[in-house]
Amino acid sequence: MVVLDPDGRALLLGARLTDPALPPGDVRFWYTPGGGVEDGESVRDAAVRELAEEIGLVVAPAALEGPVWFRRHVGTFAGLEIDSRETFFVLRDVVHEVDARGRTELELLGEEPHRWWSVAEIAASAVPFAPGELSALLPQLLEGPWSGPPRFVG
C-alpha cells in the first residue's frame, strides 16, 4: 500500500529484522505497509487487512486506488529464500496516527519504526527503499488519481 498524506508524503515502515533469532539492528530499508494474502482472500482485501494490522488504519476495499504497481522480489529472511509477488494500491489524503497493536508477533519483534517521507527526503536518503525506485515512482502518483494499467517496478 502506498499511503499518502494530504501533503503528498508516503508512510513507510523501517525494516530492522534479519532473523527472528537475532535482535533487530538499524533500519536496513524503508518499505510500504503490506503483507501476504491469506487463503480465500483477494489481493485488495489483503491490503485492507494488512493496513488494519500494521498501522491500525481501517478502510473499505473500495477506498483503494489501483492496482498501480506490480513487483516481484526475491530475498532472504532468516536463511530462507522468499519469492514474493507484490501488488500496490494507493490510499490518498490520509491523516492517521500509526497504531501497531494489530501487528503480528514477528512484526512486533522487529520493533519497526514508521515515518512520513516526502519525495525529496526519499531521494536524499542513503538508506534503501522498497521499491528501490520509490523516489522516481511517487511523483506520478502525486499527480492525481491513477488511470492507467499497473506498472511493473523493480
Protein backbone atom coordinates (compact mmCIF):
# COMPACT_ATOMS: atom_id res chain seq x y z
CA MET A 1 0.00 0.00 0.00
CA VAL A 2 1.20 3.47 -0.83
CA VAL A 3 -0.39 5.54 1.92
CA LEU A 4 -0.20 9.27 1.16
CA ASP A 5 -0.99 12.15 3.50
CA PRO A 6 -2.55 15.46 2.29
CA ASP A 7 0.98 16.86 1.76
CA GLY A 8 1.93 14.01 -0.57
CA ARG A 9 4.21 12.27 1.91
CA ALA A 10 4.30 8.46 1.94
CA LEU A 11 4.02 6.42 5.12
CA LEU A 12 6.90 3.93 5.31
CA LEU A 13 7.98 1.30 7.80
CA GLY A 14 11.61 0.63 8.69
CA ALA A 15 12.79 -2.98 8.31
CA ARG A 16 15.21 -3.86 11.12
CA LEU A 17 14.91 -7.62 11.49
CA THR A 18 17.04 -10.12 9.52
CA ASP A 19 16.21 -13.19 11.60
CA PRO A 20 13.75 -13.69 14.48
CA ALA A 21 16.56 -15.36 16.44
CA LEU A 22 18.62 -12.14 16.37
CA PRO A 23 17.85 -8.76 17.95
CA PRO A 24 16.75 -6.07 15.48
CA GLY A 25 19.51 -3.79 14.19
CA ASP A 26 19.45 -0.43 12.46
CA VAL A 27 16.89 0.20 9.73
CA ARG A 28 18.06 -1.78 6.69
CA PHE A 29 15.46 -0.30 4.32
CA TRP A 30 12.11 1.53 4.34
CA TYR A 31 9.04 -0.05 2.76
CA THR A 32 5.33 0.50 2.26
CA PRO A 33 2.81 -1.24 4.55
CA GLY A 34 1.54 -4.57 3.27
CA GLY A 35 1.86 -8.30 3.56
CA GLY A 36 0.71 -11.69 2.44
CA VAL A 37 -2.59 -12.81 1.02
CA GLU A 38 -4.43 -15.43 3.09
CA ASP A 39 -6.33 -18.39 1.60
CA GLY A 40 -9.59 -17.28 0.01
CA GLU A 41 -8.69 -13.59 0.24
CA SER A 42 -8.45 -11.17 -2.69
CA VAL A 43 -5.36 -9.00 -3.06
CA ARG A 44 -7.47 -5.90 -2.35
CA ASP A 45 -8.98 -7.44 0.80
CA ALA A 46 -5.49 -8.49 1.94
CA ALA A 47 -4.27 -4.89 1.53
CA VAL A 48 -7.15 -3.61 3.67
CA ARG A 49 -6.47 -6.25 6.35
CA GLU A 50 -2.75 -5.50 6.37
CA LEU A 51 -3.40 -1.77 6.80
CA ALA A 52 -5.52 -2.52 9.87
CA GLU A 53 -2.94 -4.93 11.31
CA GLU A 54 0.25 -3.00 10.59
CA ILE A 55 -0.77 0.62 11.12
CA GLY A 56 -4.24 0.45 12.71
CA LEU A 57 -5.99 2.09 9.75
CA VAL A 58 -9.41 0.69 8.84
CA VAL A 59 -10.65 1.46 5.32
CA ALA A 60 -13.11 -0.05 2.87
CA PRO A 61 -11.69 -2.00 -0.07
CA ALA A 62 -13.33 0.49 -2.45
CA ALA A 63 -11.16 3.29 -0.98
CA LEU A 64 -8.05 1.75 -2.54
CA GLU A 65 -6.93 3.12 -5.87
CA GLY A 66 -5.35 0.79 -8.36
CA PRO A 67 -3.56 -1.53 -8.51
CA VAL A 68 -0.85 0.90 -9.61
CA TRP A 69 2.33 -1.23 -9.48
CA PHE A 70 3.35 -4.86 -9.62
CA ARG A 71 6.72 -6.06 -8.32
CA ARG A 72 8.50 -9.37 -7.92
CA HIS A 73 11.07 -9.51 -5.15
CA VAL A 74 13.34 -12.40 -4.25
CA GLY A 75 15.25 -12.04 -0.99
CA THR A 76 16.45 -13.88 2.08
CA PHE A 77 14.93 -13.80 5.56
CA ALA A 78 16.16 -16.00 8.40
CA GLY A 79 18.19 -18.05 5.93
CA LEU A 80 15.18 -18.81 3.73
CA GLU A 81 14.69 -17.56 0.19
CA ILE A 82 11.45 -15.60 -0.13
CA ASP A 83 9.95 -15.13 -3.60
CA SER A 84 7.15 -12.59 -3.42
CA ARG A 85 4.83 -11.05 -5.98
CA GLU A 86 3.57 -7.70 -4.83
CA THR A 87 0.56 -5.65 -5.89
CA PHE A 88 0.50 -1.98 -4.83
CA PHE A 89 -2.59 0.15 -4.25
CA VAL A 90 -2.80 3.83 -3.28
CA LEU A 91 -4.71 5.43 -0.44
CA ARG A 92 -4.74 9.24 -0.60
CA ASP A 93 -5.18 12.14 1.82
CA VAL A 94 -4.70 10.00 4.94
CA VAL A 95 -4.44 11.73 8.30
CA HIS A 96 -3.64 8.97 10.77
CA GLU A 97 -1.57 8.18 13.85
CA VAL A 98 0.02 4.76 13.42
CA ASP A 99 -1.22 2.14 15.89
CA ALA A 100 0.91 -1.02 15.86
CA ARG A 101 -1.24 -3.06 18.27
CA GLY A 102 -2.55 -5.26 15.46
CA ARG A 103 0.88 -6.35 14.24
CA THR A 104 1.90 -9.98 14.29
CA GLU A 105 4.34 -11.35 16.85
CA LEU A 106 7.11 -11.29 14.23
CA GLU A 107 6.32 -7.69 13.23
CA LEU A 108 6.35 -6.62 16.88
CA LEU A 109 9.65 -8.41 17.40
CA GLY A 110 11.21 -6.23 14.71
CA GLU A 111 10.24 -3.03 16.56
CA GLU A 112 9.78 -1.30 13.22
CA PRO A 113 9.68 2.48 13.23
CA HIS A 114 7.40 4.42 10.90
CA ARG A 115 7.75 7.80 9.26
CA TRP A 116 6.02 10.01 6.70
CA TRP A 117 8.51 10.71 3.86
CA SER A 118 8.44 13.36 1.13
CA VAL A 119 9.78 12.53 -2.34
CA ALA A 120 12.76 14.84 -1.71
CA GLU A 121 13.58 13.10 1.59
CA ILE A 122 13.45 9.68 -0.08
CA ALA A 123 15.67 10.87 -2.94
CA ALA A 124 18.22 12.34 -0.48
CA SER A 125 18.37 9.33 1.87
CA ALA A 126 21.30 6.93 1.93
CA VAL A 127 19.06 4.14 3.28
CA PRO A 128 17.42 1.95 0.60
CA PHE A 129 13.69 1.88 -0.12
CA ALA A 130 11.35 -0.79 -1.45
CA PRO A 131 10.55 -0.48 -4.25
CA GLY A 132 14.07 0.76 -4.99
CA GLU A 133 12.94 3.46 -7.40
CA LEU A 134 10.34 4.87 -5.00
CA SER A 135 11.51 8.50 -5.31
CA ALA A 136 11.06 8.31 -9.10
CA LEU A 137 7.72 6.48 -8.89
CA LEU A 138 5.91 8.68 -6.37
CA PRO A 139 5.67 11.89 -8.45
CA GLN A 140 3.41 10.15 -10.98
CA LEU A 141 1.12 9.00 -8.15
CA LEU A 142 1.05 12.52 -6.71
CA GLU A 143 -0.30 13.93 -9.99
CA GLY A 144 -3.75 12.60 -9.15
CA PRO A 145 -5.90 9.52 -9.43
CA TRP A 146 -4.30 6.58 -11.23
CA SER A 147 -5.97 6.00 -14.59
CA GLY A 148 -3.59 3.67 -16.40
CA PRO A 149 -2.78 -0.02 -16.12
CA PRO A 150 -0.48 -1.19 -13.33
CA ARG A 151 3.21 -0.58 -13.95
CA PHE A 152 5.90 -3.21 -13.30
CA VAL A 153 8.52 -1.80 -10.93
CA GLY A 154 11.82 -3.10 -9.58
